Amino acid sequence: MTKFKAWVSAARLRTLPLSISGIITGSALGDINFFVTCIFWLAILTTLGLQVLSNFANDYGDGVKGTDNVDRVGPQRALQSGAISKKEMYRGIVFMALVSLGAAIALIYVSFGKENFFYSTLFFVLGVAAIIAAIKYTMGSSAYGYRGLGDLFVFVFFGLVSVVGCYFLYTKQLDFFVFLPAITVGLLSSAVLNLNNMRDYHNDKNVGKNTLVVKLGIKRARVYHFSLLVIAMISMLIYLCFTYDNPMNLIFLIAFIPLIVHMIKVAKTKDSEVLDPELKKVALSTFLLSILFSLGQIL
């Protein structure tokens, strides 16, 4: 594997559509012409930077802790394979942290200018918190991913902060109903992480990575997984009930089809280690949901 391919692999491109789902959803709620705004593209850049940062940090953290070993299921990691050294990966983490911070500062300036110091400070703190959260998932002795808190952080940052925060950048106000799509995106993002942890259950348990799946056990993790998906869909249906305006608002329901098919697949699959392909399906279904939901708001 060439160095370039190793970095691309470490960036985990298949996770990127999921990461921008919240930005697309929040932007569509805040401005029907969001796709031509600087706010949208800077928010996309910030989120992609944070996602790649998280992926690099995860590769590094699991690599130095020995979690990524020969028993791990799924694609081989860059640090684990030796394609990228510890020093190189650490430099990559620092670089992506700076890129994410720079993009976040530009986003804040474009959104609030010099007039709204309080809002600028608040979002700067959120940006720094997001960078720290991306790094601390698996890195360091207090990595929260090793204490079963990964799902909570994913729900907060990929759901609430991403959707509600992005909506606020456009409107400078909060709306209760915006939290419903935010909950949906957050829960579906947590479902992707839960699938990942179900796949890695045996290896994580053996090396002491106490994810929520390890704490719950596979049987209860499946129930938890179904709960995430069902509540996510119910949350969107509640939003639809309160905001229905025209038939195009229903178009996002198409994205429920692959999610339901996925649930059937998980219910029928006894060996959680073969669930790796389902990660992409749920991630892309979430991305599809955000696209269709946005079209329903615009058209």
C-alpha atoms as a PDB file:
ATOM      1  CA  MET A   1       0.000   0.000   0.000  1.00  0.00           C
ATOM      2  CA  THR A   2       1.380   3.430  -0.980  1.00  0.00           C
ATOM      3  CA  LYS A   3       1.576   6.200   1.609  1.00  0.00           C
ATOM      4  CA  PHE A   4      -1.181   8.154  -0.144  1.00  0.00           C
ATOM      5  CA  LYS A   5      -3.511   5.142  -0.148  1.00  0.00           C
ATOM      6  CA  ALA A   6      -2.696   4.567   3.521  1.00  0.00           C
ATOM      7  CA  TRP A   7      -3.780   8.106   4.420  1.00  0.00           C
ATOM      8  CA  VAL A   8      -6.951   7.767   2.346  1.00  0.00           C
ATOM      9  CA  SER A   9      -7.673   4.479   4.130  1.00  0.00           C
ATOM     10  CA  ALA A  10      -7.056   6.100   7.526  1.00  0.00           C
ATOM     11  CA  ALA A  11      -9.483   8.913   6.613  1.00  0.00           C
ATOM     12  CA  ARG A  12     -12.215   6.236   6.178  1.00  0.00           C
ATOM     13  CA  LEU A  13     -14.088   7.883   3.348  1.00  0.00           C
ATOM     14  CA  ARG A  14     -17.172   5.723   3.911  1.00  0.00           C
ATOM     15  CA  THR A  15     -17.818   7.607   7.182  1.00  0.00           C
ATOM     16  CA  LEU A  16     -17.913  11.046   5.534  1.00  0.00           C
ATOM     17  CA  PRO A  17     -21.481  10.987   4.123  1.00  0.00           C
ATOM     18  CA  LEU A  18     -22.811  10.232   7.596  1.00  0.00           C
ATOM     19  CA  SER A  19     -20.854  13.102   9.122  1.00  0.00           C
ATOM     20  CA  ILE A  20     -22.417  15.731   6.841  1.00  0.00           C
ATOM     21  CA  SER A  21     -25.989  14.445   7.191  1.00  0.00           C
ATOM     22  CA  GLY A  22     -26.642  16.713  10.156  1.00  0.00           C
ATOM     23  CA  ILE A  23     -25.237  19.744   8.327  1.00  0.00           C
ATOM     24  CA  ILE A  24     -27.497  19.138   5.329  1.00  0.00           C
ATOM     25  CA  THR A  25     -30.542  18.652   7.566  1.00  0.00           C
ATOM     26  CA  GLY A  26     -29.885  21.707   9.739  1.00  0.00           C
ATOM     27  CA  SER A  27     -29.119  23.882   6.715  1.00  0.00           C
ATOM     28  CA  ALA A  28     -32.325  22.892   4.925  1.00  0.00           C
ATOM     29  CA  LEU A  29     -34.285  23.864   8.025  1.00  0.00           C
ATOM     30  CA  GLY A  30     -32.471  27.186   8.300  1.00  0.00           C
ATOM     31  CA  ASP A  31     -32.338  28.362   4.674  1.00  0.00           C
ATOM     32  CA  ILE A  32     -33.985  26.817   1.616  1.00  0.00           C
ATOM     33  CA  ASN A  33     -31.122  28.188  -0.519  1.00  0.00           C
ATOM     34  CA  PHE A  34     -28.478  26.775   1.832  1.00  0.00           C
ATOM     35  CA  PHE A  35     -26.416  25.092  -0.913  1.00  0.00           C
ATOM     36  CA  VAL A  36     -25.181  28.432  -2.279  1.00  0.00           C
ATOM     37  CA  THR A  37     -24.205  29.946   1.077  1.00  0.00           C
ATOM     38  CA  CYS A  38     -20.724  30.251   2.582  1.00  0.00           C
ATOM     39  CA  ILE A  39     -22.159  29.059   5.881  1.00  0.00           C
ATOM     40  CA  PHE A  40     -23.095  25.705   4.348  1.00  0.00           C
ATOM     41  CA  TRP A  41     -19.748  25.021   2.689  1.00  0.00           C
ATOM     42  CA  LEU A  42     -17.709  26.130   5.690  1.00  0.00           C
ATOM     43  CA  ALA A  43     -19.902  23.944   7.917  1.00  0.00           C
ATOM     44  CA  ILE A  44     -19.275  21.016   5.541  1.00  0.00           C
ATOM     45  CA  LEU A  45     -15.519  21.677   5.625  1.00  0.00           C
ATOM     46  CA  THR A  46     -15.524  21.910   9.429  1.00  0.00           C
ATOM     47  CA  THR A  47     -17.488  18.691   9.825  1.00  0.00           C
ATOM     48  CA  LEU A  48     -15.375  16.760   7.333  1.00  0.00           C
ATOM     49  CA  GLY A  49     -12.260  17.979   9.120  1.00  0.00           C
ATOM     50  CA  LEU A  50     -13.623  16.813  12.466  1.00  0.00           C
ATOM     51  CA  GLN A  51     -14.614  13.429  11.030  1.00  0.00           C
ATOM     52  CA  VAL A  52     -11.198  12.792   9.484  1.00  0.00           C
ATOM     53  CA  LEU A  53      -9.578  14.014  12.715  1.00  0.00           C
ATOM     54  CA  SER A  54     -11.698  11.539  14.671  1.00  0.00           C
ATOM     55  CA  ASN A  55     -10.764   8.724  12.291  1.00  0.00           C
ATOM     56  CA  PHE A  56      -7.041   9.491  12.545  1.00  0.00           C
ATOM     57  CA  ALA A  57      -7.262   9.724  16.342  1.00  0.00           C
ATOM     58  CA  ASN A  58      -9.225   6.463  16.498  1.00  0.00           C
ATOM     59  CA  ASP A  59      -6.613   4.747  14.337  1.00  0.00           C
ATOM     60  CA  TYR A  60      -3.857   6.071  16.589  1.00  0.00           C
ATOM     61  CA  GLY A  61      -5.580   5.413  19.919  1.00  0.00           C
ATOM     62  CA  ASP A  62      -6.638   1.843  19.146  1.00  0.00           C
ATOM     63  CA  GLY A  63      -3.272   1.193  17.524  1.00  0.00           C
ATOM     64  CA  VAL A  64      -1.079   2.211  20.460  1.00  0.00           C
ATOM     65  CA  LYS A  65      -3.392   0.476  22.953  1.00  0.00           C
ATOM     66  CA  GLY A  66      -3.223  -2.785  21.012  1.00  0.00           C
ATOM     67  CA  THR A  67      -6.966  -2.885  20.374  1.00  0.00           C
ATOM     68  CA  ASP A  68      -6.317  -3.147  16.651  1.00  0.00           C
ATOM     69  CA  ASN A  69      -4.718  -6.576  16.439  1.00  0.00           C
ATOM     70  CA  VAL A  70      -4.898  -9.761  14.361  1.00  0.00           C
ATOM     71  CA  ASP A  71      -8.182 -10.736  16.043  1.00  0.00           C
ATOM     72  CA  ARG A  72      -9.961  -7.552  15.033  1.00  0.00           C
ATOM     73  CA  VAL A  73     -12.749  -7.885  12.455  1.00  0.00           C
ATOM     74  CA  GLY A  74     -13.041  -5.398   9.598  1.00  0.00           C
ATOM     75  CA  PRO A  75     -10.580  -3.458   7.431  1.00  0.00           C
ATOM     76  CA  GLN A  76      -6.978  -3.322   8.652  1.00  0.00           C
ATOM     77  CA  ARG A  77      -6.053   0.047  10.118  1.00  0.00           C
ATOM     78  CA  ALA A  78      -3.170   2.164   8.833  1.00  0.00           C
ATOM     79  CA  LEU A  79      -1.183   2.184  12.086  1.00  0.00           C
ATOM     80  CA  GLN A  80      -1.888  -1.497  12.686  1.00  0.00           C
ATOM     81  CA  SER A  81      -0.539  -2.430   9.244  1.00  0.00           C
ATOM     82  CA  GLY A  82       2.570  -0.309   9.651  1.00  0.00           C
ATOM     83  CA  ALA A  83       1.750   1.752   6.558  1.00  0.00           C
ATOM     84  CA  ILE A  84       1.775   4.893   8.717  1.00  0.00           C
ATOM     85  CA  SER A  85       4.043   5.298  11.748  1.00  0.00           C
ATOM     86  CA  LYS A  86       2.942   6.570  15.159  1.00  0.00           C
ATOM     87  CA  LYS A  87       4.815   9.844  14.631  1.00  0.00           C
ATOM     88  CA  GLU A  88       3.270  10.363  11.191  1.00  0.00           C
ATOM     89  CA  MET A  89      -0.234   9.659  12.459  1.00  0.00           C
ATOM     90  CA  TYR A  90       0.263  12.006  15.402  1.00  0.00           C
ATOM     91  CA  ARG A  91       1.321  14.754  12.983  1.00  0.00           C
ATOM     92  CA  GLY A  92      -1.743  13.981  10.883  1.00  0.00           C
ATOM     93  CA  ILE A  93      -3.933  14.415  13.964  1.00  0.00           C
ATOM     94  CA  VAL A  94      -2.370  17.789  14.788  1.00  0.00           C
ATOM     95  CA  PHE A  95      -2.759  18.938  11.171  1.00  0.00           C
ATOM     96  CA  MET A  96      -6.447  17.953  11.000  1.00  0.00           C
ATOM     97  CA  ALA A  97      -7.112  19.580  14.381  1.00  0.00           C
ATOM     98  CA  LEU A  98      -5.690  22.861  13.015  1.00  0.00           C
ATOM     99  CA  VAL A  99      -7.678  22.527   9.771  1.00  0.00           C
ATOM    100  CA  SER A 100     -10.889  21.897  11.726  1.00  0.00           C
ATOM    101  CA  LEU A 101     -10.231  24.826  14.070  1.00  0.00           C
ATOM    102  CA  GLY A 102      -9.448  27.159  11.168  1.00  0.00           C
ATOM    103  CA  ALA A 103     -12.605  26.151   9.316  1.00  0.00           C
ATOM    104  CA  ALA A 104     -14.667  26.557  12.496  1.00  0.00           C
ATOM    105  CA  ILE A 105     -13.309  30.074  13.099  1.00  0.00           C
ATOM    106  CA  ALA A 106     -14.073  31.060   9.501  1.00  0.00           C
ATOM    107  CA  LEU A 107     -17.589  29.618   9.862  1.00  0.00           C
ATOM    108  CA  ILE A 108     -18.183  31.565  13.064  1.00  0.00           C
ATOM    109  CA  TYR A 109     -16.948  34.803  11.519  1.00  0.00           C
ATOM    110  CA  VAL A 110     -19.110  34.407   8.399  1.00  0.00           C
ATOM    111  CA  SER A 111     -22.159  33.565  10.520  1.00  0.00           C
ATOM    112  CA  PHE A 112     -21.887  36.186  13.271  1.00  0.00           C
ATOM    113  CA  GLY A 113     -19.325  38.773  12.141  1.00  0.00           C
ATOM    114  CA  LYS A 114     -17.941  41.068  14.821  1.00  0.00           C
ATOM    115  CA  GLU A 115     -21.305  42.064  16.268  1.00  0.00           C
ATOM    116  CA  ASN A 116     -22.378  38.906  18.125  1.00  0.00           C
ATOM    117  CA  PHE A 117     -19.514  38.309  20.540  1.00  0.00           C
ATOM    118  CA  PHE A 118     -21.546  36.011  22.804  1.00  0.00           C
ATOM    119  CA  TYR A 119     -22.663  33.731  19.972  1.00  0.00           C
ATOM    120  CA  SER A 120     -19.152  33.719  18.494  1.00  0.00           C
ATOM    121  CA  THR A 121     -17.666  32.730  21.846  1.00  0.00           C
ATOM    122  CA  LEU A 122     -20.293  30.044  22.405  1.00  0.00           C
ATOM    123  CA  PHE A 123     -19.695  28.436  19.011  1.00  0.00           C
ATOM    124  CA  PHE A 124     -15.931  28.713  19.405  1.00  0.00           C
ATOM    125  CA  VAL A 125     -16.209  26.763  22.662  1.00  0.00           C
ATOM    126  CA  LEU A 126     -18.421  24.201  20.891  1.00  0.00           C
ATOM    127  CA  GLY A 127     -15.832  23.916  18.129  1.00  0.00           C
ATOM    128  CA  VAL A 128     -12.995  23.337  20.575  1.00  0.00           C
ATOM    129  CA  ALA A 129     -15.146  20.822  22.468  1.00  0.00           C
ATOM    130  CA  ALA A 130     -15.847  18.971  19.215  1.00  0.00           C
ATOM    131  CA  ILE A 131     -12.113  18.795  18.442  1.00  0.00           C
ATOM    132  CA  ILE A 132     -11.357  17.475  21.933  1.00  0.00           C
ATOM    133  CA  ALA A 133     -14.196  14.950  21.658  1.00  0.00           C
ATOM    134  CA  ALA A 134     -12.888  13.750  18.275  1.00  0.00           C
ATOM    135  CA  ILE A 135      -9.438  13.157  19.745  1.00  0.00           C
ATOM    136  CA  LYS A 136     -10.399  11.740  23.135  1.00  0.00           C
ATOM    137  CA  TYR A 137     -12.660   8.966  21.825  1.00  0.00           C
ATOM    138  CA  THR A 138      -9.797   6.465  21.909  1.00  0.00           C
ATOM    139  CA  MET A 139      -6.688   8.528  22.695  1.00  0.00           C
ATOM    140  CA  GLY A 140      -5.241   8.900  26.184  1.00  0.00           C
ATOM    141  CA  SER A 141      -5.791   7.126  29.482  1.00  0.00           C
ATOM    142  CA  SER A 142      -9.245   8.710  29.905  1.00  0.00           C
ATOM    143  CA  ALA A 143     -10.557   7.834  26.417  1.00  0.00           C
ATOM    144  CA  TYR A 144     -14.345   7.913  26.726  1.00  0.00           C
ATOM    145  CA  GLY A 145     -14.806   5.294  23.997  1.00  0.00           C
ATOM    146  CA  TYR A 146     -13.264   2.778  26.390  1.00  0.00           C
ATOM    147  CA  ARG A 147     -15.856   3.626  29.056  1.00  0.00           C
ATOM    148  CA  GLY A 148     -19.031   3.134  27.021  1.00  0.00           C
ATOM    149  CA  LEU A 149     -19.658   6.850  26.411  1.00  0.00           C
ATOM    150  CA  GLY A 150     -19.049   6.914  22.664  1.00  0.00           C
ATOM    151  CA  ASP A 151     -22.748   6.635  21.800  1.00  0.00           C
ATOM    152  CA  LEU A 152     -23.618   9.659  23.928  1.00  0.00           C
ATOM    153  CA  PHE A 153     -20.954  11.850  22.358  1.00  0.00           C
ATOM    154  CA  VAL A 154     -21.926  10.779  18.838  1.00  0.00           C
ATOM    155  CA  PHE A 155     -25.584  11.564  19.555  1.00  0.00           C
ATOM    156  CA  VAL A 156     -24.734  15.009  20.928  1.00  0.00           C
ATOM    157  CA  PHE A 157     -22.216  16.149  18.304  1.00  0.00           C
ATOM    158  CA  PHE A 158     -23.497  14.371  15.172  1.00  0.00           C
ATOM    159  CA  GLY A 159     -27.135  15.016  16.054  1.00  0.00           C
ATOM    160  CA  LEU A 160     -27.944  17.911  18.357  1.00  0.00           C
ATOM    161  CA  VAL A 161     -24.910  20.129  17.759  1.00  0.00           C
ATOM    162  CA  SER A 162     -24.752  19.389  14.028  1.00  0.00           C
ATOM    163  CA  VAL A 163     -28.432  19.949  13.182  1.00  0.00           C
ATOM    164  CA  VAL A 164     -29.544  22.479  15.799  1.00  0.00           C
ATOM    165  CA  GLY A 165     -26.203  24.291  15.736  1.00  0.00           C
ATOM    166  CA  CYS A 166     -26.257  24.606  11.953  1.00  0.00           C
ATOM    167  CA  TYR A 167     -29.872  25.802  12.012  1.00  0.00           C
ATOM    168  CA  PHE A 168     -28.884  28.477  14.549  1.00  0.00           C
ATOM    169  CA  LEU A 169     -26.020  29.689  12.343  1.00  0.00           C
ATOM    170  CA  TYR A 170     -28.608  30.665   9.719  1.00  0.00           C
ATOM    171  CA  THR A 171     -31.504  31.884  11.841  1.00  0.00           C
ATOM    172  CA  LYS A 172     -29.865  33.071  15.099  1.00  0.00           C
ATOM    173  CA  GLN A 173     -32.775  31.471  16.973  1.00  0.00           C
ATOM    174  CA  LEU A 174     -33.946  28.109  18.309  1.00  0.00           C
ATOM    175  CA  ASP A 175     -37.055  26.165  17.357  1.00  0.00           C
ATOM    176  CA  PHE A 176     -38.289  23.187  19.369  1.00  0.00           C
ATOM    177  CA  PHE A 177     -39.276  21.238  16.270  1.00  0.00           C
ATOM    178  CA  VAL A 178     -35.706  21.366  14.915  1.00  0.00           C
ATOM    179  CA  PHE A 179     -34.689  19.064  17.767  1.00  0.00           C
ATOM    180  CA  LEU A 180     -36.796  16.238  16.289  1.00  0.00           C
ATOM    181  CA  PRO A 181     -34.735  15.819  13.075  1.00  0.00           C
ATOM    182  CA  ALA A 182     -31.634  16.388  15.215  1.00  0.00           C
ATOM    183  CA  ILE A 183     -32.619  13.479  17.439  1.00  0.00           C
ATOM    184  CA  THR A 184     -33.161  11.330  14.342  1.00  0.00           C
ATOM    185  CA  VAL A 185     -29.731  12.057  12.867  1.00  0.00           C
ATOM    186  CA  GLY A 186     -28.078  11.611  16.265  1.00  0.00           C
ATOM    187  CA  LEU A 187     -29.741   8.256  16.922  1.00  0.00           C
ATOM    188  CA  LEU A 188     -28.939   6.923  13.450  1.00  0.00           C
ATOM    189  CA  SER A 189     -25.319   8.014  13.886  1.00  0.00           C
ATOM    190  CA  SER A 190     -25.236   6.204  17.229  1.00  0.00           C
ATOM    191  CA  ALA A 191     -26.688   3.157  15.483  1.00  0.00           C
ATOM    192  CA  VAL A 192     -23.706   3.116  13.103  1.00  0.00           C
ATOM    193  CA  LEU A 193     -21.318   3.215  16.062  1.00  0.00           C
ATOM    194  CA  ASN A 194     -23.309   0.500  17.810  1.00  0.00           C
ATOM    195  CA  LEU A 195     -23.027  -1.717  14.727  1.00  0.00           C
ATOM    196  CA  ASN A 196     -19.290  -1.120  14.665  1.00  0.00           C
ATOM    197  CA  ASN A 197     -19.045  -2.097  18.322  1.00  0.00           C
ATOM    198  CA  MET A 198     -21.254  -5.157  17.826  1.00  0.00           C
ATOM    199  CA  ARG A 199     -18.905  -6.281  15.061  1.00  0.00           C
ATOM    200  CA  ASP A 200     -15.883  -5.779  17.338  1.00  0.00           C
ATOM    201  CA  TYR A 201     -17.545  -7.154  20.481  1.00  0.00           C
ATOM    202  CA  HIS A 202     -15.304 -10.160  21.112  1.00  0.00           C
ATOM    203  CA  ASN A 203     -12.025  -8.373  20.432  1.00  0.00           C
ATOM    204  CA  ASP A 204     -13.055  -5.270  22.407  1.00  0.00           C
ATOM    205  CA  LYS A 205     -14.049  -7.429  25.364  1.00  0.00           C
ATOM    206  CA  ASN A 206     -10.747  -9.302  25.271  1.00  0.00           C
ATOM    207  CA  VAL A 207      -8.598  -6.148  25.211  1.00  0.00           C
ATOM    208  CA  GLY A 208     -10.645  -4.245  27.801  1.00  0.00           C
ATOM    209  CA  LYS A 209     -12.330  -1.708  25.525  1.00  0.00           C
ATOM    210  CA  ASN A 210     -15.590  -1.378  27.456  1.00  0.00           C
ATOM    211  CA  THR A 211     -17.892  -0.051  24.779  1.00  0.00           C
ATOM    212  CA  LEU A 212     -21.608   0.113  25.489  1.00  0.00           C
ATOM    213  CA  VAL A 213     -21.991  -3.176  23.583  1.00  0.00           C
ATOM    214  CA  VAL A 214     -19.432  -4.855  25.848  1.00  0.00           C
ATOM    215  CA  LYS A 215     -21.294  -3.539  28.889  1.00  0.00           C
ATOM    216  CA  LEU A 216     -24.712  -4.587  27.596  1.00  0.00           C
ATOM    217  CA  GLY A 217     -23.789  -7.874  25.937  1.00  0.00           C
ATOM    218  CA  ILE A 218     -24.739  -8.780  22.370  1.00  0.00           C
ATOM    219  CA  LYS A 219     -28.387  -9.684  23.053  1.00  0.00           C
ATOM    220  CA  ARG A 220     -29.229  -6.431  24.777  1.00  0.00           C
ATOM    221  CA  ALA A 221     -27.086  -4.504  22.289  1.00  0.00           C
ATOM    222  CA  ARG A 222     -29.382  -5.786  19.534  1.00  0.00           C
ATOM    223  CA  VAL A 223     -32.448  -4.545  21.422  1.00  0.00           C
ATOM    224  CA  TYR A 224     -30.680  -1.226  21.950  1.00  0.00           C
ATOM    225  CA  HIS A 225     -29.876  -1.093  18.227  1.00  0.00           C
ATOM    226  CA  PHE A 226     -33.476  -1.658  17.198  1.00  0.00           C
ATOM    227  CA  SER A 227     -34.572   0.972  19.729  1.00  0.00           C
ATOM    228  CA  LEU A 228     -32.228   3.555  18.204  1.00  0.00           C
ATOM    229  CA  LEU A 229     -33.628   2.966  14.725  1.00  0.00           C
ATOM    230  CA  VAL A 230     -37.287   2.851  15.738  1.00  0.00           C
ATOM    231  CA  ILE A 231     -37.109   5.987  17.904  1.00  0.00           C
ATOM    232  CA  ALA A 232     -35.213   7.772  15.117  1.00  0.00           C
ATOM    233  CA  MET A 233     -37.993   7.040  12.643  1.00  0.00           C
ATOM    234  CA  ILE A 234     -40.726   7.954  15.149  1.00  0.00           C
ATOM    235  CA  SER A 235     -39.013  11.283  15.833  1.00  0.00           C
ATOM    236  CA  MET A 236     -39.140  12.156  12.129  1.00  0.00           C
ATOM    237  CA  LEU A 237     -42.783  11.102  11.918  1.00  0.00           C
ATOM    238  CA  ILE A 238     -43.640  13.380  14.845  1.00  0.00           C
ATOM    239  CA  TYR A 239     -41.882  16.241  13.072  1.00  0.00           C
ATOM    240  CA  LEU A 240     -43.882  15.462   9.935  1.00  0.00           C
ATOM    241  CA  CYS A 241     -47.173  15.505  11.857  1.00  0.00           C
ATOM    242  CA  PHE A 242     -46.520  18.999  13.212  1.00  0.00           C
ATOM    243  CA  THR A 243     -44.979  20.589  10.128  1.00  0.00           C
ATOM    244  CA  TYR A 244     -46.663  18.919   7.133  1.00  0.00           C
ATOM    245  CA  ASP A 245     -47.188  21.443   4.369  1.00  0.00           C
ATOM    246  CA  ASN A 246     -47.315  19.588   1.047  1.00  0.00           C
ATOM    247  CA  PRO A 247     -46.890  16.030  -0.320  1.00  0.00           C
ATOM    248  CA  MET A 248     -43.179  16.597  -1.000  1.00  0.00           C
ATOM    249  CA  ASN A 249     -42.655  16.630   2.760  1.00  0.00           C
ATOM    250  CA  LEU A 250     -43.267  12.862   2.649  1.00  0.00           C
ATOM    251  CA  ILE A 251     -40.371  12.053   0.351  1.00  0.00           C
ATOM    252  CA  PHE A 252     -37.928  11.304   3.181  1.00  0.00           C
ATOM    253  CA  LEU A 253     -40.044   8.255   4.088  1.00  0.00           C
ATOM    254  CA  ILE A 254     -38.310   6.453   1.211  1.00  0.00           C
ATOM    255  CA  ALA A 255     -35.171   6.335   3.376  1.00  0.00           C
ATOM    256  CA  PHE A 256     -37.062   4.254   5.954  1.00  0.00           C
ATOM    257  CA  ILE A 257     -37.145   1.318   3.505  1.00  0.00           C
ATOM    258  CA  PRO A 258     -33.409   0.443   3.683  1.00  0.00           C
ATOM    259  CA  LEU A 259     -33.468   1.012   7.444  1.00  0.00           C
ATOM    260  CA  ILE A 260     -36.303  -1.499   7.866  1.00  0.00           C
ATOM    261  CA  VAL A 261     -34.505  -3.968   5.568  1.00  0.00           C
ATOM    262  CA  HIS A 262     -31.405  -3.476   7.717  1.00  0.00           C
ATOM    263  CA  MET A 263     -33.332  -4.237  10.900  1.00  0.00           C
ATOM    264  CA  ILE A 264     -34.576  -7.490   9.370  1.00  0.00           C
ATOM    265  CA  LYS A 265     -30.997  -8.362   8.374  1.00  0.00           C
ATOM    266  CA  VAL A 266     -29.670  -7.734  11.888  1.00  0.00           C
ATOM    267  CA  ALA A 267     -32.528  -9.747  13.423  1.00  0.00           C
ATOM    268  CA  LYS A 268     -31.690 -12.717  11.207  1.00  0.00           C
ATOM    269  CA  THR A 269     -27.904 -12.492  11.624  1.00  0.00           C
ATOM    270  CA  LYS A 270     -26.702 -14.430  14.652  1.00  0.00           C
ATOM    271  CA  ASP A 271     -22.980 -13.748  14.185  1.00  0.00           C
ATOM    272  CA  SER A 272     -22.397 -10.051  14.869  1.00  0.00           C
ATOM    273  CA  GLU A 273     -18.930 -10.217  13.310  1.00  0.00           C
ATOM    274  CA  VAL A 274     -20.410 -10.376   9.800  1.00  0.00           C
ATOM    275  CA  LEU A 275     -22.333  -7.118  10.235  1.00  0.00           C
ATOM    276  CA  ASP A 276     -19.551  -4.919   8.810  1.00  0.00           C
ATOM    277  CA  PRO A 277     -21.350  -4.304   5.453  1.00  0.00           C
ATOM    278  CA  GLU A 278     -24.368  -3.044   7.386  1.00  0.00           C
ATOM    279  CA  LEU A 279     -22.390  -0.056   8.677  1.00  0.00           C
ATOM    280  CA  LYS A 280     -22.236   1.438   5.192  1.00  0.00           C
ATOM    281  CA  LYS A 281     -25.941   0.732   4.629  1.00  0.00           C
ATOM    282  CA  VAL A 282     -27.068   2.597   7.749  1.00  0.00           C
ATOM    283  CA  ALA A 283     -24.630   5.455   7.122  1.00  0.00           C
ATOM    284  CA  LEU A 284     -25.809   5.870   3.517  1.00  0.00           C
ATOM    285  CA  SER A 285     -29.453   5.532   4.586  1.00  0.00           C
ATOM    286  CA  THR A 286     -28.924   8.411   7.018  1.00  0.00           C
ATOM    287  CA  PHE A 287     -27.307  10.448   4.245  1.00  0.00           C
ATOM    288  CA  LEU A 288     -30.212   9.597   1.932  1.00  0.00           C
ATOM    289  CA  LEU A 289     -32.664  10.645   4.629  1.00  0.00           C
ATOM    290  CA  SER A 290     -30.956  14.018   4.978  1.00  0.00           C
ATOM    291  CA  ILE A 291     -30.969  14.591   1.206  1.00  0.00           C
ATOM    292  CA  LEU A 292     -34.627  13.612   0.773  1.00  0.00           C
ATOM    293  CA  PHE A 293     -35.662  15.593   3.850  1.00  0.00           C
ATOM    294  CA  SER A 294     -33.879  18.647   2.422  1.00  0.00           C
ATOM    295  CA  LEU A 295     -35.619  18.242  -0.928  1.00  0.00           C
ATOM    296  CA  GLY A 296     -38.933  18.035   0.918  1.00  0.00           C
ATOM    297  CA  GLN A 297     -38.181  21.360   2.596  1.00  0.00           C
ATOM    298  CA  ILE A 298     -37.053  23.086  -0.596  1.00  0.00           C
ATOM    299  CA  LEU A 299     -39.640  21.875  -3.133  1.00  0.00           C
END
